[in-house]
């Protein structure tokens, strides 16, 4: 099975890929750098913050969650068919 989506790691990777700094993101979100580093450690981030991150970084983090949902749904449906 594929590894679980970790939004914090995805955020950190996206920041690196875009060659942006933690300071830049903290300024855009009006929060401390410490809060950004704490976000990197979270597997999931609340919807409001995810929306803010998506807008600031011009990247749809929700699409990543949706993709994970669809994969898990297919897996669950396949498991249910084999147990019937």
N, C-alpha and C. Protein backbone atom coordinates (compact mmCIF):
# COMPACT_ATOMS: atom_id res chain seq x y z
N UNK A 1 0.84 -1.19 0.00
CA UNK A 1 0.00 0.00 0.00
C UNK A 1 0.88 1.25 0.00
N UNK A 2 0.42 2.29 -0.63
CA UNK A 2 1.18 3.53 -0.72
C UNK A 2 1.30 4.17 0.66
N UNK A 3 2.33 4.99 0.81
CA UNK A 3 2.52 5.67 2.09
C UNK A 3 1.44 6.73 2.28
N UNK A 4 1.17 7.03 3.54
CA UNK A 4 0.16 8.04 3.88
C UNK A 4 0.64 9.43 3.46
N UNK A 5 -0.30 10.24 3.04
CA UNK A 5 0.01 11.62 2.71
C UNK A 5 0.36 12.36 3.99
N UNK A 6 1.40 13.15 3.97
CA UNK A 6 1.82 13.95 5.12
C UNK A 6 1.88 15.39 4.63
N UNK A 7 0.87 16.17 4.95
CA UNK A 7 0.75 17.54 4.45
C UNK A 7 1.95 18.39 4.85
N UNK A 8 2.43 18.23 6.07
CA UNK A 8 3.58 19.01 6.53
C UNK A 8 4.81 18.78 5.67
N UNK A 9 5.08 17.52 5.36
CA UNK A 9 6.23 17.21 4.50
C UNK A 9 6.01 17.73 3.09
N UNK A 10 4.77 17.60 2.62
CA UNK A 10 4.44 18.12 1.28
C UNK A 10 4.65 19.63 1.24
N UNK A 11 4.20 20.32 2.27
CA UNK A 11 4.39 21.77 2.37
C UNK A 11 5.88 22.12 2.35
N UNK A 12 6.66 21.41 3.13
CA UNK A 12 8.10 21.66 3.18
C UNK A 12 8.75 21.42 1.82
N UNK A 13 8.37 20.35 1.15
CA UNK A 13 8.92 20.05 -0.17
C UNK A 13 8.52 21.11 -1.20
N UNK A 14 7.26 21.51 -1.15
CA UNK A 14 6.76 22.54 -2.09
C UNK A 14 7.51 23.85 -1.88
N UNK A 15 7.75 24.20 -0.63
CA UNK A 15 8.49 25.42 -0.32
C UNK A 15 9.90 25.34 -0.92
N UNK A 16 10.54 24.18 -0.76
CA UNK A 16 11.88 23.96 -1.33
C UNK A 16 11.84 24.05 -2.86
N UNK A 17 10.86 23.34 -3.45
CA UNK A 17 10.75 23.32 -4.92
C UNK A 17 10.56 24.73 -5.48
N UNK A 18 9.82 25.55 -4.76
CA UNK A 18 9.57 26.92 -5.21
C UNK A 18 10.69 27.88 -4.82
N UNK A 19 11.72 27.34 -4.16
CA UNK A 19 12.86 28.13 -3.70
C UNK A 19 12.41 29.31 -2.84
N UNK A 20 11.49 29.01 -1.93
CA UNK A 20 10.99 30.00 -0.97
C UNK A 20 11.52 29.64 0.41
N UNK A 21 11.62 30.64 1.26
CA UNK A 21 12.13 30.41 2.61
C UNK A 21 11.00 30.29 3.61
N UNK A 22 11.34 29.75 4.75
CA UNK A 22 10.38 29.68 5.86
C UNK A 22 9.99 31.09 6.28
N UNK A 23 10.95 31.99 6.26
CA UNK A 23 10.68 33.40 6.61
C UNK A 23 9.65 33.99 5.65
N UNK A 24 9.80 33.73 4.37
CA UNK A 24 8.86 34.24 3.37
C UNK A 24 7.45 33.76 3.68
N UNK A 25 7.30 32.45 3.93
CA UNK A 25 5.97 31.90 4.20
C UNK A 25 5.40 32.45 5.51
N UNK A 26 6.22 32.57 6.52
CA UNK A 26 5.76 33.11 7.80
C UNK A 26 5.25 34.54 7.63
N UNK A 27 5.95 35.33 6.83
CA UNK A 27 5.50 36.71 6.57
C UNK A 27 4.18 36.72 5.82
N UNK A 28 4.05 35.85 4.83
CA UNK A 28 2.81 35.79 4.04
C UNK A 28 1.62 35.38 4.89
N UNK A 29 1.85 34.48 5.85
CA UNK A 29 0.77 33.98 6.71
C UNK A 29 0.63 34.79 7.99
N UNK A 30 1.51 35.76 8.16
CA UNK A 30 1.50 36.61 9.35
C UNK A 30 1.62 35.76 10.63
N UNK A 31 2.62 34.88 10.63
CA UNK A 31 2.86 34.04 11.80
C UNK A 31 4.37 33.91 12.00
N UNK A 32 4.77 33.21 13.03
CA UNK A 32 6.21 33.06 13.31
C UNK A 32 6.81 31.91 12.49
N UNK A 33 8.11 31.96 12.34
CA UNK A 33 8.82 30.87 11.67
C UNK A 33 8.63 29.57 12.46
N UNK A 34 8.57 29.69 13.77
CA UNK A 34 8.36 28.50 14.62
C UNK A 34 7.07 27.80 14.23
N UNK A 35 6.01 28.56 13.97
CA UNK A 35 4.74 27.95 13.57
C UNK A 35 4.86 27.22 12.24
N UNK A 36 5.66 27.75 11.34
CA UNK A 36 5.87 27.06 10.06
C UNK A 36 6.59 25.74 10.29
N UNK A 37 7.63 25.76 11.10
CA UNK A 37 8.36 24.52 11.40
C UNK A 37 7.45 23.51 12.09
N UNK A 38 6.54 23.97 12.93
CA UNK A 38 5.59 23.07 13.57
C UNK A 38 4.63 22.46 12.54
N UNK A 39 4.25 23.25 11.54
CA UNK A 39 3.38 22.73 10.48
C UNK A 39 4.06 21.61 9.70
N UNK A 40 5.37 21.74 9.50
CA UNK A 40 6.12 20.71 8.78
C UNK A 40 5.98 19.34 9.45
N UNK A 41 5.77 19.33 10.76
CA UNK A 41 5.69 18.08 11.53
C UNK A 41 4.29 17.47 11.52
N UNK A 42 3.29 18.23 11.07
CA UNK A 42 1.90 17.75 11.12
C UNK A 42 1.54 16.95 9.88
N UNK A 43 0.92 15.81 10.11
CA UNK A 43 0.46 15.01 8.97
C UNK A 43 -0.75 15.69 8.32
N UNK A 44 -1.60 16.26 9.15
CA UNK A 44 -2.79 16.96 8.65
C UNK A 44 -2.84 18.37 9.21
N UNK A 45 -3.41 19.28 8.43
CA UNK A 45 -3.54 20.68 8.81
C UNK A 45 -5.01 21.05 8.62
N UNK A 46 -5.55 21.88 9.52
CA UNK A 46 -6.97 22.22 9.41
C UNK A 46 -7.29 22.91 8.09
N UNK A 47 -8.53 22.83 7.69
CA UNK A 47 -8.96 23.30 6.35
C UNK A 47 -8.69 24.78 6.12
N UNK A 48 -8.93 25.60 7.12
CA UNK A 48 -8.72 27.04 6.95
C UNK A 48 -7.24 27.34 6.66
N UNK A 49 -6.36 26.71 7.41
CA UNK A 49 -4.93 26.93 7.17
C UNK A 49 -4.51 26.34 5.83
N UNK A 50 -5.07 25.20 5.48
CA UNK A 50 -4.75 24.58 4.19
C UNK A 50 -5.18 25.48 3.04
N UNK A 51 -6.32 26.15 3.20
CA UNK A 51 -6.79 27.10 2.19
C UNK A 51 -5.82 28.28 2.09
N UNK A 52 -5.42 28.81 3.23
CA UNK A 52 -4.47 29.94 3.22
C UNK A 52 -3.16 29.53 2.56
N UNK A 53 -2.67 28.35 2.91
CA UNK A 53 -1.42 27.86 2.30
C UNK A 53 -1.57 27.69 0.79
N UNK A 54 -2.70 27.14 0.38
CA UNK A 54 -2.94 26.93 -1.06
C UNK A 54 -2.93 28.25 -1.82
N UNK A 55 -3.55 29.26 -1.23
CA UNK A 55 -3.62 30.58 -1.89
C UNK A 55 -2.25 31.23 -1.93
N UNK A 56 -1.55 31.26 -0.81
CA UNK A 56 -0.24 31.91 -0.74
C UNK A 56 0.76 31.21 -1.64
N UNK A 57 0.73 29.88 -1.64
CA UNK A 57 1.73 29.14 -2.40
C UNK A 57 1.28 28.81 -3.82
N UNK A 58 0.05 29.18 -4.15
CA UNK A 58 -0.50 28.92 -5.49
C UNK A 58 -0.38 27.44 -5.84
N UNK A 59 -0.81 26.60 -4.89
CA UNK A 59 -0.74 25.15 -5.03
C UNK A 59 -1.95 24.54 -4.33
N UNK A 60 -2.65 23.65 -5.01
CA UNK A 60 -3.87 23.08 -4.45
C UNK A 60 -3.57 21.86 -3.58
N UNK A 61 -3.37 22.11 -2.29
CA UNK A 61 -3.12 21.02 -1.35
C UNK A 61 -4.35 20.12 -1.22
N UNK A 62 -5.53 20.68 -1.46
CA UNK A 62 -6.76 19.90 -1.37
C UNK A 62 -6.82 18.82 -2.44
N UNK A 63 -6.23 19.10 -3.59
CA UNK A 63 -6.19 18.10 -4.66
C UNK A 63 -5.39 16.87 -4.21
N UNK A 64 -4.33 17.11 -3.47
CA UNK A 64 -3.52 16.00 -2.95
C UNK A 64 -4.35 15.16 -1.98
N UNK A 65 -5.11 15.81 -1.12
CA UNK A 65 -5.99 15.09 -0.20
C UNK A 65 -7.06 14.32 -0.96
N UNK A 66 -7.61 14.94 -1.99
CA UNK A 66 -8.64 14.30 -2.80
C UNK A 66 -8.10 13.05 -3.49
N UNK A 67 -6.88 13.15 -4.00
CA UNK A 67 -6.24 12.01 -4.64
C UNK A 67 -6.07 10.86 -3.64
N UNK A 68 -5.64 11.19 -2.43
CA UNK A 68 -5.47 10.17 -1.39
C UNK A 68 -6.82 9.53 -1.05
N UNK A 69 -7.84 10.36 -0.96
CA UNK A 69 -9.19 9.86 -0.67
C UNK A 69 -9.63 8.86 -1.74
N UNK A 70 -9.44 9.21 -3.00
CA UNK A 70 -9.86 8.33 -4.09
C UNK A 70 -9.11 7.00 -4.06
N UNK A 71 -7.83 7.05 -3.75
CA UNK A 71 -7.04 5.82 -3.66
C UNK A 71 -7.55 4.95 -2.52
N UNK A 72 -7.80 5.56 -1.37
CA UNK A 72 -8.30 4.81 -0.22
C UNK A 72 -9.70 4.26 -0.48
N UNK A 73 -10.53 5.03 -1.18
CA UNK A 73 -11.88 4.58 -1.49
C UNK A 73 -11.84 3.36 -2.40
N UNK A 74 -10.98 3.39 -3.42
CA UNK A 74 -10.83 2.23 -4.31
C UNK A 74 -10.35 1.02 -3.55
N UNK A 75 -9.39 1.24 -2.67
CA UNK A 75 -8.85 0.15 -1.87
C UNK A 75 -9.93 -0.45 -0.96
N UNK A 76 -10.71 0.40 -0.33
CA UNK A 76 -11.79 -0.05 0.54
C UNK A 76 -12.85 -0.81 -0.24
N UNK A 77 -13.20 -0.30 -1.42
CA UNK A 77 -14.21 -0.98 -2.25
C UNK A 77 -13.70 -2.33 -2.70
N UNK A 78 -12.42 -2.42 -3.05
CA UNK A 78 -11.84 -3.70 -3.48
C UNK A 78 -11.85 -4.70 -2.33
N UNK A 79 -11.53 -4.23 -1.14
CA UNK A 79 -11.54 -5.11 0.04
C UNK A 79 -12.95 -5.60 0.33
N UNK A 80 -13.93 -4.71 0.19
CA UNK A 80 -15.33 -5.09 0.46
C UNK A 80 -15.83 -6.12 -0.54
N UNK A 81 -15.39 -6.03 -1.78
CA UNK A 81 -15.82 -6.99 -2.80
C UNK A 81 -15.26 -8.37 -2.53
N UNK A 82 -14.04 -8.43 -1.99
CA UNK A 82 -13.42 -9.73 -1.74
C UNK A 82 -13.99 -10.41 -0.50
N UNK A 83 -14.63 -9.64 0.39
CA UNK A 83 -15.18 -10.23 1.60
C UNK A 83 -16.63 -10.63 1.46
N UNK A 84 -17.24 -10.32 0.35
CA UNK A 84 -18.67 -10.66 0.14
C UNK A 84 -18.83 -12.10 -0.25
